[in-house]
Amino acid sequence: MDSLWIVIGIIVLLVVIIGIYLWSTYNGLVRLKVRVDEAWSDITVQLKRRADLIPNLIETV
């Protein structure tokens, strides 16, 4: 009977460890996605700024 409780305890412990690992991995991926979205936003802003400057350059020339 004691060995049954040990096996059940080990299984529960493994499930908890795997759950924590998956939760941590998911949060890391979400964090990376947010950073990528912010970086693309910065690129989009710079491209729009550059496109807005072209008509001014043409008028100056």
PDB file of N, CA and C in Angstrom:
ATOM      1  N   MET A   1       0.823  -1.197   0.000  1.00  0.00           N
ATOM      2  CA  MET A   1       0.000   0.000   0.000  1.00  0.00           C
ATOM      3  C   MET A   1       0.864   1.255   0.000  1.00  0.00           C
ATOM      4  N   ASP A   2       1.971   1.226   0.742  1.00  0.00           N
ATOM      5  CA  ASP A   2       2.846   2.398   0.776  1.00  0.00           C
ATOM      6  C   ASP A   2       3.477   2.664  -0.581  1.00  0.00           C
ATOM      7  N   SER A   3       3.815   1.596  -1.301  1.00  0.00           N
ATOM      8  CA  SER A   3       4.439   1.788  -2.614  1.00  0.00           C
ATOM      9  C   SER A   3       3.445   2.413  -3.599  1.00  0.00           C
ATOM     10  N   LEU A   4       2.167   2.120  -3.440  1.00  0.00           N
ATOM     11  CA  LEU A   4       1.145   2.727  -4.298  1.00  0.00           C
ATOM     12  C   LEU A   4       1.107   4.238  -4.088  1.00  0.00           C
ATOM     13  N   TRP A   5       1.172   4.681  -2.831  1.00  0.00           N
ATOM     14  CA  TRP A   5       1.161   6.122  -2.541  1.00  0.00           C
ATOM     15  C   TRP A   5       2.426   6.795  -3.063  1.00  0.00           C
ATOM     16  N   ILE A   6       3.535   6.093  -3.023  1.00  0.00           N
ATOM     17  CA  ILE A   6       4.784   6.655  -3.549  1.00  0.00           C
ATOM     18  C   ILE A   6       4.674   6.841  -5.056  1.00  0.00           C
ATOM     19  N   VAL A   7       4.133   5.853  -5.745  1.00  0.00           N
ATOM     20  CA  VAL A   7       3.957   5.946  -7.199  1.00  0.00           C
ATOM     21  C   VAL A   7       2.994   7.078  -7.538  1.00  0.00           C
ATOM     22  N   ILE A   8       1.893   7.177  -6.825  1.00  0.00           N
ATOM     23  CA  ILE A   8       0.927   8.257  -7.064  1.00  0.00           C
ATOM     24  C   ILE A   8       1.576   9.612  -6.798  1.00  0.00           C
ATOM     25  N   GLY A   9       2.359   9.711  -5.730  1.00  0.00           N
ATOM     26  CA  GLY A   9       3.051  10.964  -5.419  1.00  0.00           C
ATOM     27  C   GLY A   9       4.037  11.353  -6.506  1.00  0.00           C
ATOM     28  N   ILE A  10       4.771  10.380  -7.030  1.00  0.00           N
ATOM     29  CA  ILE A  10       5.730  10.661  -8.105  1.00  0.00           C
ATOM     30  C   ILE A  10       5.001  11.118  -9.359  1.00  0.00           C
ATOM     31  N   ILE A  11       3.897  10.474  -9.683  1.00  0.00           N
ATOM     32  CA  ILE A  11       3.124  10.863 -10.869  1.00  0.00           C
ATOM     33  C   ILE A  11       2.582  12.280 -10.711  1.00  0.00           C
ATOM     34  N   VAL A  12       2.048  12.596  -9.544  1.00  0.00           N
ATOM     35  CA  VAL A  12       1.528  13.945  -9.296  1.00  0.00           C
ATOM     36  C   VAL A  12       2.652  14.965  -9.396  1.00  0.00           C
ATOM     37  N   LEU A  13       3.802  14.643  -8.822  1.00  0.00           N
ATOM     38  CA  LEU A  13       4.951  15.543  -8.882  1.00  0.00           C
ATOM     39  C   LEU A  13       5.390  15.782 -10.322  1.00  0.00           C
ATOM     40  N   LEU A  14       5.433  14.728 -11.128  1.00  0.00           N
ATOM     41  CA  LEU A  14       5.812  14.879 -12.535  1.00  0.00           C
ATOM     42  C   LEU A  14       4.809  15.740 -13.295  1.00  0.00           C
ATOM     43  N   VAL A  15       3.529  15.541 -13.025  1.00  0.00           N
ATOM     44  CA  VAL A  15       2.498  16.343 -13.691  1.00  0.00           C
ATOM     45  C   VAL A  15       2.647  17.811 -13.310  1.00  0.00           C
ATOM     46  N   VAL A  16       2.918  18.084 -12.046  1.00  0.00           N
ATOM     47  CA  VAL A  16       3.097  19.471 -11.594  1.00  0.00           C
ATOM     48  C   VAL A  16       4.329  20.085 -12.248  1.00  0.00           C
ATOM     49  N   ILE A  17       5.431  19.343 -12.296  1.00  0.00           N
ATOM     50  CA  ILE A  17       6.662  19.864 -12.910  1.00  0.00           C
ATOM     51  C   ILE A  17       6.444  20.142 -14.388  1.00  0.00           C
ATOM     52  N   ILE A  18       5.797  19.230 -15.093  1.00  0.00           N
ATOM     53  CA  ILE A  18       5.527  19.437 -16.519  1.00  0.00           C
ATOM     54  C   ILE A  18       4.592  20.627 -16.712  1.00  0.00           C
ATOM     55  N   GLY A  19       3.598  20.770 -15.848  1.00  0.00           N
ATOM     56  CA  GLY A  19       2.680  21.914 -15.941  1.00  0.00           C
ATOM     57  C   GLY A  19       3.405  23.233 -15.745  1.00  0.00           C
ATOM     58  N   ILE A  20       4.288  23.291 -14.761  1.00  0.00           N
ATOM     59  CA  ILE A  20       5.054  24.523 -14.522  1.00  0.00           C
ATOM     60  C   ILE A  20       5.954  24.824 -15.711  1.00  0.00           C
ATOM     61  N   TYR A  21       6.581  23.796 -16.268  1.00  0.00           N
ATOM     62  CA  TYR A  21       7.444  23.986 -17.437  1.00  0.00           C
ATOM     63  C   TYR A  21       6.643  24.531 -18.619  1.00  0.00           C
ATOM     64  N   LEU A  22       5.484  23.949 -18.885  1.00  0.00           N
ATOM     65  CA  LEU A  22       4.660  24.408 -20.008  1.00  0.00           C
ATOM     66  C   LEU A  22       4.169  25.832 -19.783  1.00  0.00           C
ATOM     67  N   TRP A  23       3.760  26.156 -18.572  1.00  0.00           N
ATOM     68  CA  TRP A  23       3.297  27.505 -18.245  1.00  0.00           C
ATOM     69  C   TRP A  23       4.422  28.513 -18.444  1.00  0.00           C
ATOM     70  N   SER A  24       5.609  28.165 -17.988  1.00  0.00           N
ATOM     71  CA  SER A  24       6.761  29.054 -18.121  1.00  0.00           C
ATOM     72  C   SER A  24       7.132  29.251 -19.591  1.00  0.00           C
ATOM     73  N   THR A  25       7.120  28.188 -20.359  1.00  0.00           N
ATOM     74  CA  THR A  25       7.432  28.277 -21.784  1.00  0.00           C
ATOM     75  C   THR A  25       6.410  29.141 -22.502  1.00  0.00           C
ATOM     76  N   TYR A  26       5.140  28.955 -22.201  1.00  0.00           N
ATOM     77  CA  TYR A  26       4.088  29.754 -22.828  1.00  0.00           C
ATOM     78  C   TYR A  26       4.276  31.237 -22.519  1.00  0.00           C
ATOM     79  N   ASN A  27       4.537  31.562 -21.252  1.00  0.00           N
ATOM     80  CA  ASN A  27       4.741  32.962 -20.883  1.00  0.00           C
ATOM     81  C   ASN A  27       5.959  33.548 -21.584  1.00  0.00           C
ATOM     82  N   GLY A  28       7.008  32.768 -21.731  1.00  0.00           N
ATOM     83  CA  GLY A  28       8.193  33.235 -22.446  1.00  0.00           C
ATOM     84  C   GLY A  28       7.885  33.526 -23.903  1.00  0.00           C
ATOM     85  N   LEU A  29       7.109  32.660 -24.529  1.00  0.00           N
ATOM     86  CA  LEU A  29       6.743  32.877 -25.929  1.00  0.00           C
ATOM     87  C   LEU A  29       5.853  34.104 -26.084  1.00  0.00           C
ATOM     88  N   VAL A  30       4.940  34.314 -25.161  1.00  0.00           N
ATOM     89  CA  VAL A  30       4.082  35.501 -25.213  1.00  0.00           C
ATOM     90  C   VAL A  30       4.934  36.757 -25.071  1.00  0.00           C
ATOM     91  N   ARG A  31       5.900  36.727 -24.148  1.00  0.00           N
ATOM     92  CA  ARG A  31       6.793  37.871 -23.959  1.00  0.00           C
ATOM     93  C   ARG A  31       7.582  38.167 -25.234  1.00  0.00           C
ATOM     94  N   LEU A  32       8.087  37.114 -25.890  1.00  0.00           N
ATOM     95  CA  LEU A  32       8.830  37.306 -27.134  1.00  0.00           C
ATOM     96  C   LEU A  32       7.935  37.871 -28.232  1.00  0.00           C
ATOM     97  N   LYS A  33       6.687  37.407 -28.308  1.00  0.00           N
ATOM     98  CA  LYS A  33       5.765  37.918 -29.324  1.00  0.00           C
ATOM     99  C   LYS A  33       5.502  39.404 -29.112  1.00  0.00           C
ATOM    100  N   VAL A  34       5.357  39.813 -27.868  1.00  0.00           N
ATOM    101  CA  VAL A  34       5.132  41.231 -27.576  1.00  0.00           C
ATOM    102  C   VAL A  34       6.341  42.050 -28.011  1.00  0.00           C
ATOM    103  N   ARG A  35       7.543  41.545 -27.741  1.00  0.00           N
ATOM    104  CA  ARG A  35       8.755  42.272 -28.144  1.00  0.00           C
ATOM    105  C   ARG A  35       8.858  42.382 -29.664  1.00  0.00           C
ATOM    106  N   VAL A  36       8.498  41.310 -30.372  1.00  0.00           N
ATOM    107  CA  VAL A  36       8.532  41.341 -31.838  1.00  0.00           C
ATOM    108  C   VAL A  36       7.512  42.340 -32.364  1.00  0.00           C
ATOM    109  N   ASP A  37       6.311  42.342 -31.803  1.00  0.00           N
ATOM    110  CA  ASP A  37       5.286  43.296 -32.234  1.00  0.00           C
ATOM    111  C   ASP A  37       5.734  44.738 -31.993  1.00  0.00           C
ATOM    112  N   GLU A  38       6.385  44.993 -30.865  1.00  0.00           N
ATOM    113  CA  GLU A  38       6.885  46.342 -30.585  1.00  0.00           C
ATOM    114  C   GLU A  38       7.971  46.733 -31.579  1.00  0.00           C
ATOM    115  N   ALA A  39       8.845  45.802 -31.912  1.00  0.00           N
ATOM    116  CA  ALA A  39       9.916  46.091 -32.865  1.00  0.00           C
ATOM    117  C   ALA A  39       9.338  46.400 -34.243  1.00  0.00           C
ATOM    118  N   TRP A  40       8.349  45.617 -34.676  1.00  0.00           N
ATOM    119  CA  TRP A  40       7.730  45.883 -35.975  1.00  0.00           C
ATOM    120  C   TRP A  40       6.998  47.225 -35.962  1.00  0.00           C
ATOM    121  N   SER A  41       6.423  47.581 -34.848  1.00  0.00           N
ATOM    122  CA  SER A  41       5.752  48.869 -34.740  1.00  0.00           C
ATOM    123  C   SER A  41       6.757  49.999 -34.929  1.00  0.00           C
ATOM    124  N   ASP A  42       7.931  49.862 -34.319  1.00  0.00           N
ATOM    125  CA  ASP A  42       8.974  50.876 -34.490  1.00  0.00           C
ATOM    126  C   ASP A  42       9.400  50.980 -35.952  1.00  0.00           C
ATOM    127  N   ILE A  43       9.524  49.838 -36.618  1.00  0.00           N
ATOM    128  CA  ILE A  43       9.910  49.842 -38.028  1.00  0.00           C
ATOM    129  C   ILE A  43       8.836  50.516 -38.865  1.00  0.00           C
ATOM    130  N   THR A  44       7.580  50.223 -38.591  1.00  0.00           N
ATOM    131  CA  THR A  44       6.474  50.824 -39.335  1.00  0.00           C
ATOM    132  C   THR A  44       6.465  52.338 -39.167  1.00  0.00           C
ATOM    133  N   VAL A  45       6.720  52.807 -37.962  1.00  0.00           N
ATOM    134  CA  VAL A  45       6.752  54.250 -37.709  1.00  0.00           C
ATOM    135  C   VAL A  45       7.871  54.898 -38.519  1.00  0.00           C
ATOM    136  N   GLN A  46       9.034  54.276 -38.540  1.00  0.00           N
ATOM    137  CA  GLN A  46      10.158  54.843 -39.287  1.00  0.00           C
ATOM    138  C   GLN A  46       9.881  54.845 -40.794  1.00  0.00           C
ATOM    139  N   LEU A  47       9.271  53.783 -41.300  1.00  0.00           N
ATOM    140  CA  LEU A  47       8.946  53.740 -42.729  1.00  0.00           C
ATOM    141  C   LEU A  47       7.917  54.806 -43.088  1.00  0.00           C
ATOM    142  N   LYS A  48       6.929  55.010 -42.237  1.00  0.00           N
ATOM    143  CA  LYS A  48       5.928  56.045 -42.499  1.00  0.00           C
ATOM    144  C   LYS A  48       6.575  57.420 -42.466  1.00  0.00           C
ATOM    145  N   ARG A  49       7.463  57.638 -41.518  1.00  0.00           N
ATOM    146  CA  ARG A  49       8.161  58.925 -41.420  1.00  0.00           C
ATOM    147  C   ARG A  49       8.975  59.177 -42.686  1.00  0.00           C
ATOM    148  N   ARG A  50       9.659  58.142 -43.153  1.00  0.00           N
ATOM    149  CA  ARG A  50      10.462  58.277 -44.369  1.00  0.00           C
ATOM    150  C   ARG A  50       9.565  58.580 -45.571  1.00  0.00           C
ATOM    151  N   ALA A  51       8.429  57.887 -45.659  1.00  0.00           N
ATOM    152  CA  ALA A  51       7.518  58.116 -46.776  1.00  0.00           C
ATOM    153  C   ALA A  51       6.920  59.519 -46.715  1.00  0.00           C
ATOM    154  N   ASP A  52       6.705  60.043 -45.520  1.00  0.00           N
ATOM    155  CA  ASP A  52       6.166  61.397 -45.382  1.00  0.00           C
ATOM    156  C   ASP A  52       7.200  62.457 -45.748  1.00  0.00           C
ATOM    157  N   LEU A  53       8.475  62.146 -45.642  1.00  0.00           N
ATOM    158  CA  LEU A  53       9.521  63.117 -45.955  1.00  0.00           C
ATOM    159  C   LEU A  53       9.793  63.230 -47.455  1.00  0.00           C
ATOM    160  N   ILE A  54       9.434  62.222 -48.227  1.00  0.00           N
ATOM    161  CA  ILE A  54       9.719  62.238 -49.663  1.00  0.00           C
ATOM    162  C   ILE A  54       9.016  63.398 -50.369  1.00  0.00           C
ATOM    163  N   PRO A  55       7.725  63.661 -50.144  1.00  0.00           N
ATOM    164  CA  PRO A  55       7.100  64.811 -50.814  1.00  0.00           C
ATOM    165  C   PRO A  55       7.776  66.138 -50.446  1.00  0.00           C
ATOM    166  N   ASN A  56       8.212  66.278 -49.208  1.00  0.00           N
ATOM    167  CA  ASN A  56       8.911  67.501 -48.816  1.00  0.00           C
ATOM    168  C   ASN A  56      10.220  67.650 -49.580  1.00  0.00           C
ATOM    169  N   LEU A  57      10.917  66.556 -49.776  1.00  0.00           N
ATOM    170  CA  LEU A  57      12.174  66.591 -50.515  1.00  0.00           C
ATOM    171  C   LEU A  57      11.928  66.966 -51.973  1.00  0.00           C
ATOM    172  N   ILE A  58      10.870  66.433 -52.555  1.00  0.00           N
ATOM    173  CA  ILE A  58      10.555  66.746 -53.955  1.00  0.00           C
ATOM    174  C   ILE A  58      10.196  68.219 -54.099  1.00  0.00           C
ATOM    175  N   GLU A  59       9.444  68.765 -53.160  1.00  0.00           N
ATOM    176  CA  GLU A  59       9.091  70.185 -53.216  1.00  0.00           C
ATOM    177  C   GLU A  59      10.324  71.064 -53.088  1.00  0.00           C
ATOM    178  N   THR A  60      11.260  70.650 -52.275  1.00  0.00           N
ATOM    179  CA  THR A  60      12.474  71.434 -52.070  1.00  0.00           C
ATOM    180  C   THR A  60      13.323  71.452 -53.332  1.00  0.00           C
ATOM    181  N   VAL A  61      13.398  70.347 -54.016  1.00  0.00           N
ATOM    182  CA  VAL A  61      14.206  70.261 -55.237  1.00  0.00           C
ATOM    183  C   VAL A  61      13.460  70.968 -56.344  1.00  0.00           C
TER     184      VAL A  61
END
